[in-house]
Amino acid sequence: MKKFTMIDENFVCGYCGKFVKKLGYTARDHCPYCLYSKHVDINPGDRLNPCKGLLKPIGIEKFKGSFKILYRCDKCHEEHKNIIANDDNMDLIIELSKVK
Protein backbone atom coordinates (compact mmCIF):
# COMPACT_ATOMS: atom_id res chain seq x y z
CA MET A 1 0.00 0.00 0.00
CA LYS A 2 1.23 3.47 -0.89
CA LYS A 3 2.19 5.47 2.23
CA PHE A 4 2.32 8.98 0.72
CA THR A 5 -0.29 10.72 -1.42
CA MET A 6 0.86 14.03 -2.88
CA ILE A 7 -1.77 16.66 -2.08
CA ASP A 8 -0.58 20.27 -2.30
CA GLU A 9 -3.57 22.58 -2.05
CA ASN A 10 -4.63 25.97 -0.75
CA PHE A 11 -6.47 26.07 2.60
CA VAL A 12 -7.62 28.36 5.38
CA CYS A 13 -5.79 27.67 8.64
CA GLY A 14 -8.07 26.24 11.33
CA TYR A 15 -6.08 28.02 14.03
CA CYS A 16 -5.15 31.53 12.82
CA GLY A 17 -7.69 31.78 9.96
CA LYS A 18 -5.17 32.95 7.35
CA PHE A 19 -5.40 31.87 3.72
CA VAL A 20 -2.47 29.55 2.93
CA LYS A 21 -1.31 29.01 -0.64
CA LYS A 22 -0.11 25.61 -1.80
CA LEU A 23 3.62 25.09 -1.43
CA GLY A 24 4.51 24.25 -5.02
CA TYR A 25 7.48 21.92 -4.46
CA THR A 26 5.94 19.30 -2.16
CA ALA A 27 2.73 18.81 -0.16
CA ARG A 28 1.75 21.69 2.14
CA ASP A 29 0.92 20.15 5.52
CA HIS A 30 0.84 23.09 7.96
CA CYS A 31 0.30 26.83 8.16
CA PRO A 32 3.50 28.83 7.54
CA TYR A 33 2.20 31.72 9.69
CA CYS A 34 1.34 29.98 12.98
CA LEU A 35 2.78 26.49 12.19
CA TYR A 36 -0.43 24.68 13.20
CA SER A 37 -1.63 21.71 11.20
CA LYS A 38 -4.81 19.65 11.09
CA HIS A 39 -5.05 15.98 12.03
CA VAL A 40 -6.56 14.76 8.76
CA ASP A 41 -4.21 11.95 7.65
CA ILE A 42 -3.41 8.45 8.81
CA ASN A 43 -0.69 8.19 6.15
CA PRO A 44 0.50 11.47 4.55
CA GLY A 45 -2.09 12.81 2.12
CA ASP A 46 -4.75 10.10 2.56
CA ARG A 47 -7.24 12.38 4.42
CA LEU A 48 -8.63 9.28 6.22
CA ASN A 49 -8.19 10.30 9.86
CA PRO A 50 -11.61 10.94 11.47
CA CYS A 51 -10.05 13.05 14.30
CA LYS A 52 -9.77 16.41 12.45
CA GLY A 53 -8.31 18.04 15.57
CA LEU A 54 -5.73 20.82 15.45
CA LEU A 55 -2.09 19.75 15.61
CA LYS A 56 -0.32 22.19 17.93
CA PRO A 57 3.40 22.78 17.32
CA ILE A 58 5.27 21.74 20.48
CA GLY A 59 8.93 21.52 19.46
CA ILE A 60 11.57 21.13 16.76
CA GLU A 61 13.73 18.14 15.87
CA LYS A 62 16.83 18.00 13.64
CA PHE A 63 16.16 15.99 10.47
CA LYS A 64 18.92 15.37 7.92
CA GLY A 65 19.95 18.86 6.69
CA SER A 66 16.72 20.45 7.94
CA PHE A 67 14.24 20.29 10.82
CA LYS A 68 10.85 18.78 11.64
CA ILE A 69 8.11 20.43 13.65
CA LEU A 70 6.81 18.24 16.48
CA TYR A 71 3.04 18.29 16.95
CA ARG A 72 0.49 17.12 19.53
CA CYS A 73 -3.16 16.88 18.58
CA ASP A 74 -5.38 19.07 20.78
CA LYS A 75 -8.22 16.55 20.38
CA CYS A 76 -6.79 13.00 20.55
CA HIS A 77 -3.27 13.85 21.86
CA GLU A 78 -1.42 11.81 19.22
CA GLU A 79 1.99 13.19 18.30
CA HIS A 80 3.25 13.75 14.74
CA LYS A 81 6.17 15.33 12.88
CA ASN A 82 6.25 17.42 9.69
CA ILE A 83 9.29 18.79 7.90
CA ILE A 84 9.57 22.59 7.88
CA ALA A 85 8.78 24.50 4.68
CA ASN A 86 10.85 27.23 3.05
CA ASP A 87 8.28 29.92 3.89
CA ASP A 88 7.64 28.98 7.53
CA ASN A 89 7.72 31.70 10.19
CA MET A 90 11.35 31.36 11.34
CA ASP A 91 10.71 33.40 14.49
CA LEU A 92 8.23 30.74 15.64
CA ILE A 93 10.60 27.93 14.62
CA ILE A 94 13.32 29.54 16.75
CA GLU A 95 10.91 29.85 19.70
CA LEU A 96 9.95 26.18 19.34
CA SER A 97 13.62 25.21 19.32
CA LYS A 98 13.91 26.65 22.84
CA VAL A 99 11.13 24.40 24.22
CA LYS A 100 12.44 21.68 26.52
PDB file of N, CA and C in Angstrom:
ATOM      1  N   MET A   1       0.836  -1.188   0.000  1.00  0.00           N
ATOM      2  CA  MET A   1       0.000   0.000   0.000  1.00  0.00           C
ATOM      3  C   MET A   1       0.880   1.251   0.000  1.00  0.00           C
ATOM      4  N   LYS A   2       0.514   2.209  -0.801  1.00  0.00           N
ATOM      5  CA  LYS A   2       1.230   3.469  -0.893  1.00  0.00           C
ATOM      6  C   LYS A   2       1.091   4.247   0.423  1.00  0.00           C
ATOM      7  N   LYS A   3       2.202   4.763   0.948  1.00  0.00           N
ATOM      8  CA  LYS A   3       2.192   5.465   2.235  1.00  0.00           C
ATOM      9  C   LYS A   3       2.147   6.981   2.106  1.00  0.00           C
ATOM     10  N   PHE A   4       2.322   7.532   0.893  1.00  0.00           N
ATOM     11  CA  PHE A   4       2.323   8.979   0.719  1.00  0.00           C
ATOM     12  C   PHE A   4       1.507   9.351  -0.512  1.00  0.00           C
ATOM     13  N   THR A   5       0.521  10.199  -0.318  1.00  0.00           N
ATOM     14  CA  THR A   5      -0.286  10.718  -1.415  1.00  0.00           C
ATOM     15  C   THR A   5       0.007  12.210  -1.525  1.00  0.00           C
ATOM     16  N   MET A   6       0.477  12.627  -2.676  1.00  0.00           N
ATOM     17  CA  MET A   6       0.863  14.029  -2.878  1.00  0.00           C
ATOM     18  C   MET A   6      -0.384  14.901  -3.035  1.00  0.00           C
ATOM     19  N   ILE A   7      -0.670  15.699  -2.022  1.00  0.00           N
ATOM     20  CA  ILE A   7      -1.766  16.665  -2.078  1.00  0.00           C
ATOM     21  C   ILE A   7      -1.193  18.012  -1.632  1.00  0.00           C
ATOM     22  N   ASP A   8      -1.064  18.917  -2.580  1.00  0.00           N
ATOM     23  CA  ASP A   8      -0.582  20.265  -2.304  1.00  0.00           C
ATOM     24  C   ASP A   8      -1.694  21.218  -2.722  1.00  0.00           C
ATOM     25  N   GLU A   9      -2.403  21.749  -1.737  1.00  0.00           N
ATOM     26  CA  GLU A   9      -3.568  22.577  -2.052  1.00  0.00           C
ATOM     27  C   GLU A   9      -3.648  23.776  -1.125  1.00  0.00           C
ATOM     28  N   ASN A  10      -4.350  24.798  -1.576  1.00  0.00           N
ATOM     29  CA  ASN A  10      -4.626  25.974  -0.750  1.00  0.00           C
ATOM     30  C   ASN A  10      -5.587  25.571   0.370  1.00  0.00           C
ATOM     31  N   PHE A  11      -5.511  26.286   1.508  1.00  0.00           N
ATOM     32  CA  PHE A  11      -6.473  26.065   2.595  1.00  0.00           C
ATOM     33  C   PHE A  11      -6.519  27.281   3.495  1.00  0.00           C
ATOM     34  N   VAL A  12      -7.521  27.329   4.343  1.00  0.00           N
ATOM     35  CA  VAL A  12      -7.618  28.361   5.376  1.00  0.00           C
ATOM     36  C   VAL A  12      -7.229  27.678   6.687  1.00  0.00           C
ATOM     37  N   CYS A  13      -6.274  28.267   7.399  1.00  0.00           N
ATOM     38  CA  CYS A  13      -5.789  27.674   8.643  1.00  0.00           C
ATOM     39  C   CYS A  13      -6.906  27.605   9.684  1.00  0.00           C
ATOM     40  N   GLY A  14      -7.058  26.449  10.288  1.00  0.00           N
ATOM     41  CA  GLY A  14      -8.071  26.245  11.326  1.00  0.00           C
ATOM     42  C   GLY A  14      -7.724  26.894  12.643  1.00  0.00           C
ATOM     43  N   TYR A  15      -6.483  27.362  12.790  1.00  0.00           N
ATOM     44  CA  TYR A  15      -6.077  28.019  14.027  1.00  0.00           C
ATOM     45  C   TYR A  15      -6.063  29.543  13.891  1.00  0.00           C
ATOM     46  N   CYS A  16      -5.284  30.068  12.934  1.00  0.00           N
ATOM     47  CA  CYS A  16      -5.153  31.531  12.816  1.00  0.00           C
ATOM     48  C   CYS A  16      -6.089  32.138  11.779  1.00  0.00           C
ATOM     49  N   GLY A  17      -6.720  31.299  10.941  1.00  0.00           N
ATOM     50  CA  GLY A  17      -7.693  31.780   9.964  1.00  0.00           C
ATOM     51  C   GLY A  17      -7.113  32.392   8.703  1.00  0.00           C
ATOM     52  N   LYS A  18      -5.791  32.360   8.545  1.00  0.00           N
ATOM     53  CA  LYS A  18      -5.172  32.952   7.349  1.00  0.00           C
ATOM     54  C   LYS A  18      -5.299  32.014   6.152  1.00  0.00           C
ATOM     55  N   PHE A  19      -5.407  32.616   4.970  1.00  0.00           N
ATOM     56  CA  PHE A  19      -5.404  31.866   3.725  1.00  0.00           C
ATOM     57  C   PHE A  19      -3.973  31.424   3.445  1.00  0.00           C
ATOM     58  N   VAL A  20      -3.792  30.133   3.169  1.00  0.00           N
ATOM     59  CA  VAL A  20      -2.474  29.554   2.932  1.00  0.00           C
ATOM     60  C   VAL A  20      -2.433  29.005   1.514  1.00  0.00           C
ATOM     61  N   LYS A  21      -1.469  29.491   0.730  1.00  0.00           N
ATOM     62  CA  LYS A  21      -1.313  29.011  -0.642  1.00  0.00           C
ATOM     63  C   LYS A  21      -0.546  27.692  -0.654  1.00  0.00           C
ATOM     64  N   LYS A  22      -0.834  26.876  -1.682  1.00  0.00           N
ATOM     65  CA  LYS A  22      -0.110  25.614  -1.802  1.00  0.00           C
ATOM     66  C   LYS A  22       1.383  25.897  -1.902  1.00  0.00           C
ATOM     67  N   LEU A  23       2.182  24.909  -1.539  1.00  0.00           N
ATOM     68  CA  LEU A  23       3.624  25.092  -1.427  1.00  0.00           C
ATOM     69  C   LEU A  23       4.331  25.116  -2.779  1.00  0.00           C
ATOM     70  N   GLY A  24       3.945  24.218  -3.674  1.00  0.00           N
ATOM     71  CA  GLY A  24       4.507  24.251  -5.020  1.00  0.00           C
ATOM     72  C   GLY A  24       5.647  23.284  -5.279  1.00  0.00           C
ATOM     73  N   TYR A  25       6.378  22.863  -4.234  1.00  0.00           N
ATOM     74  CA  TYR A  25       7.476  21.921  -4.464  1.00  0.00           C
ATOM     75  C   TYR A  25       7.282  20.590  -3.751  1.00  0.00           C
ATOM     76  N   THR A  26       6.361  20.535  -2.811  1.00  0.00           N
ATOM     77  CA  THR A  26       5.944  19.298  -2.155  1.00  0.00           C
ATOM     78  C   THR A  26       4.596  19.585  -1.499  1.00  0.00           C
ATOM     79  N   ALA A  27       4.049  18.639  -0.769  1.00  0.00           N
ATOM     80  CA  ALA A  27       2.728  18.810  -0.162  1.00  0.00           C
ATOM     81  C   ALA A  27       2.778  19.780   1.022  1.00  0.00           C
ATOM     82  N   ARG A  28       1.893  20.758   1.017  1.00  0.00           N
ATOM     83  CA  ARG A  28       1.750  21.692   2.137  1.00  0.00           C
ATOM     84  C   ARG A  28       1.007  20.954   3.236  1.00  0.00           C
ATOM     85  N   ASP A  29       1.582  20.880   4.446  1.00  0.00           N
ATOM     86  CA  ASP A  29       0.923  20.147   5.524  1.00  0.00           C
ATOM     87  C   ASP A  29       0.735  20.947   6.810  1.00  0.00           C
ATOM     88  N   HIS A  30       1.061  22.246   6.779  1.00  0.00           N
ATOM     89  CA  HIS A  30       0.840  23.088   7.957  1.00  0.00           C
ATOM     90  C   HIS A  30       0.855  24.553   7.535  1.00  0.00           C
ATOM     91  N   CYS A  31       0.368  25.396   8.412  1.00  0.00           N
ATOM     92  CA  CYS A  31       0.303  26.831   8.157  1.00  0.00           C
ATOM     93  C   CYS A  31       1.688  27.459   8.355  1.00  0.00           C
ATOM     94  N   PRO A  32       2.192  28.212   7.383  1.00  0.00           N
ATOM     95  CA  PRO A  32       3.505  28.833   7.538  1.00  0.00           C
ATOM     96  C   PRO A  32       3.499  30.028   8.495  1.00  0.00           C
ATOM     97  N   TYR A  33       2.326  30.548   8.818  1.00  0.00           N
ATOM     98  CA  TYR A  33       2.203  31.720   9.691  1.00  0.00           C
ATOM     99  C   TYR A  33       2.237  31.343  11.168  1.00  0.00           C
ATOM    100  N   CYS A  34       1.426  30.366  11.569  1.00  0.00           N
ATOM    101  CA  CYS A  34       1.341  29.977  12.979  1.00  0.00           C
ATOM    102  C   CYS A  34       1.907  28.581  13.239  1.00  0.00           C
ATOM    103  N   LEU A  35       2.216  27.829  12.180  1.00  0.00           N
ATOM    104  CA  LEU A  35       2.780  26.485  12.188  1.00  0.00           C
ATOM    105  C   LEU A  35       1.805  25.382  12.596  1.00  0.00           C
ATOM    106  N   TYR A  36       0.548  25.721  12.863  1.00  0.00           N
ATOM    107  CA  TYR A  36      -0.433  24.684  13.197  1.00  0.00           C
ATOM    108  C   TYR A  36      -0.754  23.834  11.975  1.00  0.00           C
ATOM    109  N   SER A  37      -1.200  22.622  12.244  1.00  0.00           N
ATOM    110  CA  SER A  37      -1.625  21.706  11.197  1.00  0.00           C
ATOM    111  C   SER A  37      -2.974  21.134  11.608  1.00  0.00           C
ATOM    112  N   LYS A  38      -3.530  20.288  10.771  1.00  0.00           N
ATOM    113  CA  LYS A  38      -4.809  19.653  11.094  1.00  0.00           C
ATOM    114  C   LYS A  38      -4.640  18.146  10.988  1.00  0.00           C
ATOM    115  N   HIS A  39      -5.193  17.424  11.935  1.00  0.00           N
ATOM    116  CA  HIS A  39      -5.051  15.976  12.030  1.00  0.00           C
ATOM    117  C   HIS A  39      -6.028  15.286  11.070  1.00  0.00           C
ATOM    118  N   VAL A  40      -5.666  15.287   9.800  1.00  0.00           N
ATOM    119  CA  VAL A  40      -6.559  14.756   8.764  1.00  0.00           C
ATOM    120  C   VAL A  40      -6.064  13.459   8.134  1.00  0.00           C
ATOM    121  N   ASP A  41      -4.790  13.115   8.322  1.00  0.00           N
ATOM    122  CA  ASP A  41      -4.208  11.949   7.649  1.00  0.00           C
ATOM    123  C   ASP A  41      -3.850  10.834   8.624  1.00  0.00           C
ATOM    124  N   ILE A  42      -3.987   9.603   8.130  1.00  0.00           N
ATOM    125  CA  ILE A  42      -3.406   8.448   8.810  1.00  0.00           C
ATOM    126  C   ILE A  42      -2.008   8.253   8.219  1.00  0.00           C
ATOM    127  N   ASN A  43      -1.946   8.146   6.891  1.00  0.00           N
ATOM    128  CA  ASN A  43      -0.692   8.191   6.146  1.00  0.00           C
ATOM    129  C   ASN A  43      -0.700   9.504   5.368  1.00  0.00           C
ATOM    130  N   PRO A  44       0.461  10.137   5.175  1.00  0.00           N
ATOM    131  CA  PRO A  44       0.497  11.466   4.550  1.00  0.00           C
ATOM    132  C   PRO A  44      -0.323  11.585   3.267  1.00  0.00           C
ATOM    133  N   GLY A  45      -1.283  12.514   3.291  1.00  0.00           N
ATOM    134  CA  GLY A  45      -2.095  12.813   2.125  1.00  0.00           C
ATOM    135  C   GLY A  45      -3.342  11.969   1.938  1.00  0.00           C
ATOM    136  N   ASP A  46      -3.593  10.983   2.807  1.00  0.00           N
ATOM    137  CA  ASP A  46      -4.751  10.104   2.563  1.00  0.00           C
ATOM    138  C   ASP A  46      -6.078  10.697   3.033  1.00  0.00           C
ATOM    139  N   ARG A  47      -6.053  11.689   3.903  1.00  0.00           N
ATOM    140  CA  ARG A  47      -7.245  12.380   4.418  1.00  0.00           C
ATOM    141  C   ARG A  47      -8.255  11.406   5.058  1.00  0.00           C
ATOM    142  N   LEU A  48      -7.758  10.319   5.666  1.00  0.00           N
ATOM    143  CA  LEU A  48      -8.626   9.283   6.223  1.00  0.00           C
ATOM    144  C   LEU A  48      -8.765   9.326   7.747  1.00  0.00           C
ATOM    145  N   ASN A  49      -8.101  10.261   8.410  1.00  0.00           N
ATOM    146  CA  ASN A  49      -8.195  10.303   9.862  1.00  0.00           C
ATOM    147  C   ASN A  49      -9.482  11.001  10.279  1.00  0.00           C
ATOM    148  N   PRO A  50     -10.335  10.335  11.056  1.00  0.00           N
ATOM    149  CA  PRO A  50     -11.607  10.942  11.474  1.00  0.00           C
ATOM    150  C   PRO A  50     -11.446  12.002  12.569  1.00  0.00           C
ATOM    151  N   CYS A  51     -10.270  12.122  13.174  1.00  0.00           N
ATOM    152  CA  CYS A  51     -10.052  13.046  14.296  1.00  0.00           C
ATOM    153  C   CYS A  51     -10.343  14.493  13.913  1.00  0.00           C
ATOM    154  N   LYS A  52      -9.638  15.021  12.931  1.00  0.00           N
ATOM    155  CA  LYS A  52      -9.771  16.406  12.448  1.00  0.00           C
ATOM    156  C   LYS A  52      -9.433  17.467  13.488  1.00  0.00           C
ATOM    157  N   GLY A  53      -8.735  17.073  14.563  1.00  0.00           N
ATOM    158  CA  GLY A  53      -8.310  18.037  15.575  1.00  0.00           C
ATOM    159  C   GLY A  53      -7.164  18.896  15.067  1.00  0.00           C
ATOM    160  N   LEU A  54      -6.862  19.965  15.805  1.00  0.00           N
ATOM    161  CA  LEU A  54      -5.730  20.822  15.454  1.00  0.00           C
ATOM    162  C   LEU A  54      -4.447  20.226  16.018  1.00  0.00           C
ATOM    163  N   LEU A  55      -3.401  20.212  15.184  1.00  0.00           N
ATOM    164  CA  LEU A  55      -2.089  19.749  15.607  1.00  0.00           C
ATOM    165  C   LEU A  55      -1.278  20.967  16.048  1.00  0.00           C
ATOM    166  N   LYS A  56      -1.032  21.056  17.342  1.00  0.00           N
ATOM    167  CA  LYS A  56      -0.317  22.189  17.930  1.00  0.00           C
ATOM    168  C   LYS A  56       1.190  21.951  17.853  1.00  0.00           C
ATOM    169  N   PRO A  57       1.945  22.935  17.338  1.00  0.00           N
ATOM    170  CA  PRO A  57       3.400  22.781  17.325  1.00  0.00           C
ATOM    171  C   PRO A  57       3.951  22.839  18.746  1.00  0.00           C
ATOM    172  N   ILE A  58       4.764  21.824  19.108  1.00  0.00           N
ATOM    173  CA  ILE A  58       5.274  21.742  20.485  1.00  0.00           C
ATOM    174  C   ILE A  58       6.797  21.686  20.567  1.00  0.00           C
ATOM    175  N   GLY A  59       7.475  21.587  19.436  1.00  0.00           N
ATOM    176  CA  GLY A  59       8.930  21.524  19.464  1.00  0.00           C
ATOM    177  C   GLY A  59       9.506  21.372  18.068  1.00  0.00           C
ATOM    178  N   ILE A  60      10.824  21.276  18.021  1.00  0.00           N
ATOM    179  CA  ILE A  60      11.569  21.132  16.764  1.00  0.00           C
ATOM    180  C   ILE A  60      12.566  19.986  16.940  1.00  0.00           C
ATOM    181  N   GLU A  61      12.789  19.246  15.863  1.00  0.00           N
ATOM    182  CA  GLU A  61      13.732  18.141  15.867  1.00  0.00           C
ATOM    183  C   GLU A  61      14.612  18.223  14.627  1.00  0.00           C
ATOM    184  N   LYS A  62      15.905  18.017  14.778  1.00  0.00           N
ATOM    185  CA  LYS A  62      16.831  17.996  13.640  1.00  0.00           C
ATOM    186  C   LYS A  62      16.481  16.810  12.748  1.00  0.00           C
ATOM    187  N   PHE A  63      16.476  17.047  11.431  1.00  0.00           N
ATOM    188  CA  PHE A  63      16.161  15.988  10.470  1.00  0.00           C
ATOM    189  C   PHE A  63      17.020  16.168   9.234  1.00  0.00           C
ATOM    190  N   LYS A  64      17.983  15.282   9.040  1.00  0.00           N
ATOM    191  CA  LYS A  64      18.922  15.369   7.916  1.00  0.00           C
ATOM    192  C   LYS A  64      19.518  16.775   7.885  1.00  0.00           C
ATOM    193  N   GLY A  65      19.407  17.501   6.768  1.00  0.00           N
ATOM    194  CA  GLY A  65      19.945  18.856   6.689  1.00  0.00           C
ATOM    195  C   GLY A  65      18.913  19.908   7.030  1.00  0.00           C
ATOM    196  N   SER A  66      17.805  19.521   7.660  1.00  0.00           N
ATOM    197  CA  SER A  66      16.717  20.446   7.940  1.00  0.00           C
ATOM    198  C   SER A  66      16.172  20.175   9.340  1.00  0.00           C
ATOM    199  N   PHE A  67      14.905  20.505   9.532  1.00  0.00           N
ATOM    200  CA  PHE A  67      14.242  20.288  10.818  1.00  0.00           C
ATOM    201  C   PHE A  67      12.815  19.815  10.602  1.00  0.00           C
ATOM    202  N   LYS A  68      12.265  19.155  11.621  1.00  0.00           N
ATOM    203  CA  LYS A  68      10.853  18.784  11.636  1.00  0.00           C
ATOM    204  C   LYS A  68      10.187  19.487  12.806  1.00  0.00           C
ATOM    205  N   ILE A  69       8.928  19.860  12.583  1.00  0.00           N
ATOM    206  CA  ILE A  69       8.110  20.434  13.650  1.00  0.00           C
ATOM    207  C   ILE A  69       7.429  19.262  14.359  1.00  0.00           C
ATOM    208  N   LEU A  70       7.490  19.256  15.677  1.00  0.00           N
ATOM    209  CA  LEU A  70       6.815  18.236  16.480  1.00  0.00           C
ATOM    210  C   LEU A  70       5.437  18.759  16.847  1.00  0.00           C
ATOM    211  N   TYR A  71       4.430  17.903  16.709  1.00  0.00           N
ATOM    212  CA  TYR A  71       3.037  18.285  16.950  1.00  0.00           C
ATOM    213  C   TYR A  71       2.370  17.364  17.958  1.00  0.00           C
ATOM    214  N   ARG A  72       1.403  17.916  18.693  1.00  0.00           N
ATOM    215  CA  ARG A  72       0.494  17.117  19.527  1.00  0.00           C
ATOM    216  C   ARG A  72      -0.921  17.556  19.194  1.00  0.00           C
ATOM    217  N   CYS A  73      -1.773  16.590  18.922  1.00  0.00           N
ATOM    218  CA  CYS A  73      -3.163  16.883  18.576  1.00  0.00           C
ATOM    219  C   CYS A  73      -3.918  17.368  19.812  1.00  0.00           C
ATOM    220  N   ASP A  74      -4.591  18.515  19.678  1.00  0.00           N
ATOM    221  CA  ASP A  74      -5.381  19.068  20.776  1.00  0.00           C
ATOM    222  C   ASP A  74      -6.596  18.208  21.111  1.00  0.00           C
ATOM    223  N   LYS A  75      -7.012  17.351  20.175  1.00  0.00           N
ATOM    224  CA  LYS A  75      -8.222  16.550  20.376  1.00  0.00           C
ATOM    225  C   LYS A  75      -7.907  15.138  20.897  1.00  0.00           C
ATOM    226  N   CYS A  76      -7.050  14.402  20.184  1.00  0.00           N
ATOM    227  CA  CYS A  76      -6.788  13.005  20.553  1.00  0.00           C
ATOM    228  C   CYS A  76      -5.418  12.799  21.196  1.00  0.00           C
ATOM    229  N   HIS A  77      -4.581  13.828  21.212  1.00  0.00           N
ATOM    230  CA  HIS A  77      -3.266  13.853  21.861  1.00  0.00           C
ATOM    231  C   HIS A  77      -2.185  13.012  21.177  1.00  0.00           C
ATOM    232  N   GLU A  78      -2.463  12.494  19.969  1.00  0.00           N
ATOM    233  CA  GLU A  78      -1.416  11.813  19.216  1.00  0.00           C
ATOM    234  C   GLU A  78      -0.331  12.818  18.851  1.00  0.00           C
ATOM    235  N   GLU A  79       0.892  12.329  18.695  1.00  0.00           N
ATOM    236  CA  GLU A  79       1.994  13.191  18.299  1.00  0.00           C
ATOM    237  C   GLU A  79       2.442  12.850  16.882  1.00  0.00           C
ATOM    238  N   HIS A  80       2.825  13.882  16.135  1.00  0.00           N
ATOM    239  CA  HIS A  80       3.250  13.748  14.740  1.00  0.00           C
ATOM    240  C   HIS A  80       4.423  14.679  14.475  1.00  0.00           C
ATOM    241  N   LYS A  81       5.058  14.480  13.305  1.00  0.00           N
ATOM    242  CA  LYS A  81       6.168  15.330  12.880  1.00  0.00           C
ATOM    243  C   LYS A  81       5.956  15.702  11.420  1.00  0.00           C
ATOM    244  N   ASN A  82       6.289  16.944  11.077  1.00  0.00           N
ATOM    245  CA  ASN A  82       6.254  17.416   9.689  1.00  0.00           C
ATOM    246  C   ASN A  82       7.513  18.228   9.423  1.00  0.00           C
ATOM    247  N   ILE A  83       8.091  18.039   8.256  1.00  0.00           N
ATOM    248  CA  ILE A  83       9.292  18.794   7.897  1.00  0.00           C
ATOM    249  C   ILE A  83       8.927  20.265   7.684  1.00  0.00           C
ATOM    250  N   ILE A  84       9.835  21.167   8.061  1.00  0.00           N
ATOM    251  CA  ILE A  84       9.565  22.588   7.883  1.00  0.00           C
ATOM    252  C   ILE A  84       9.538  22.930   6.391  1.00  0.00           C
ATOM    253  N   ALA A  85       8.861  24.012   6.058  1.00  0.00           N
ATOM    254  CA  ALA A  85       8.777  24.498   4.682  1.00  0.00           C
ATOM    255  C   ALA A  85       9.620  25.764   4.544  1.00  0.00           C
ATOM    256  N   ASN A  86       9.994  26.070   3.315  1.00  0.00           N
ATOM    257  CA  ASN A  86      10.847  27.229   3.048  1.00  0.00           C
ATOM    258  C   ASN A  86      10.252  28.553   3.520  1.00  0.00           C
ATOM    259  N   ASP A  87       8.920  28.650   3.535  1.00  0.00           N
ATOM    260  CA  ASP A  87       8.280  29.918   3.886  1.00  0.00           C
ATOM    261  C   ASP A  87       7.717  29.955   5.308  1.00  0.00           C
ATOM    262  N   ASP A  88       8.117  28.999   6.149  1.00  0.00           N
ATOM    263  CA  ASP A  88       7.637  28.983   7.535  1.00  0.00           C
ATOM    264  C   ASP A  88       8.154  30.189   8.317  1.00  0.00           C
ATOM    265  N   ASN A  89       7.374  30.598   9.297  1.00  0.00           N
ATOM    266  CA  ASN A  89       7.718  31.697  10.190  1.00  0.00           C
ATOM    267  C   ASN A  89       8.934  31.278  11.031  1.00  0.00           C
ATOM    268  N   MET A  90      10.116  31.761  10.660  1.00  0.00           N
ATOM    269  CA  MET A  90      11.351  31.357  11.341  1.00  0.00           C
ATOM    270  C   MET A  90      11.419  31.849  12.780  1.00  0.00           C
ATOM    271  N   ASP A  91      10.749  32.945  13.098  1.00  0.00           N
ATOM    272  CA  ASP A  91      10.715  33.399  14.493  1.00  0.00           C
ATOM    273  C   ASP A  91      10.019  32.356  15.367  1.00  0.00           C
ATOM    274  N   LEU A  92       8.917  31.788  14.873  1.00  0.00           N
ATOM    275  CA  LEU A  92       8.226  30.745  15.638  1.00  0.00           C
ATOM    276  C   LEU A  92       9.048  29.458  15.700  1.00  0.00           C
ATOM    277  N   ILE A  93       9.735  29.122  14.627  1.00  0.00           N
ATOM    278  CA  ILE A  93      10.604  27.928  14.620  1.00  0.00           C
ATOM    279  C   ILE A  93      11.713  28.093  15.682  1.00  0.00           C
ATOM    280  N   ILE A  94      12.291  29.278  15.760  1.00  0.00           N
ATOM    281  CA  ILE A  94      13.324  29.539  16.755  1.00  0.00           C
ATOM    282  C   ILE A  94      12.746  29.416  18.170  1.00  0.00           C
ATOM    283  N   GLU A  95      11.554  29.965  18.377  1.00  0.00           N
ATOM    284  CA  GLU A  95      10.907  29.852  19.696  1.00  0.00           C
ATOM    285  C   GLU A  95      10.656  28.385  20.055  1.00  0.00           C
ATOM    286  N   LEU A  96      10.194  27.597  19.094  1.00  0.00           N
ATOM    287  CA  LEU A  96       9.953  26.176  19.338  1.00  0.00           C
ATOM    288  C   LEU A  96      11.249  25.427  19.655  1.00  0.00           C
ATOM    289  N   SER A  97      12.342  25.875  19.079  1.00  0.00           N
ATOM    290  CA  SER A  97      13.624  25.208  19.321  1.00  0.00           C
ATOM    291  C   SER A  97      14.091  25.399  20.763  1.00  0.00           C
ATOM    292  N   LYS A  98      13.547  26.373  21.456  1.00  0.00           N
ATOM    293  CA  LYS A  98      13.910  26.651  22.845  1.00  0.00           C
ATOM    294  C   LYS A  98      13.092  25.834  23.835  1.00  0.00           C
ATOM    295  N   VAL A  99      12.007  25.185  23.349  1.00  0.00           N
ATOM    296  CA  VAL A  99      11.125  24.397  24.220  1.00  0.00           C
ATOM    297  C   VAL A  99      11.845  23.135  24.679  1.00  0.00           C
ATOM    298  N   LYS A 100      11.811  22.890  25.952  1.00  0.00           N
ATOM    299  CA  LYS A 100      12.435  21.677  26.516  1.00  0.00           C
ATOM    300  C   LYS A 100      11.406  20.791  27.145  1.00  0.00           C
TER     301      LYS A 100
END
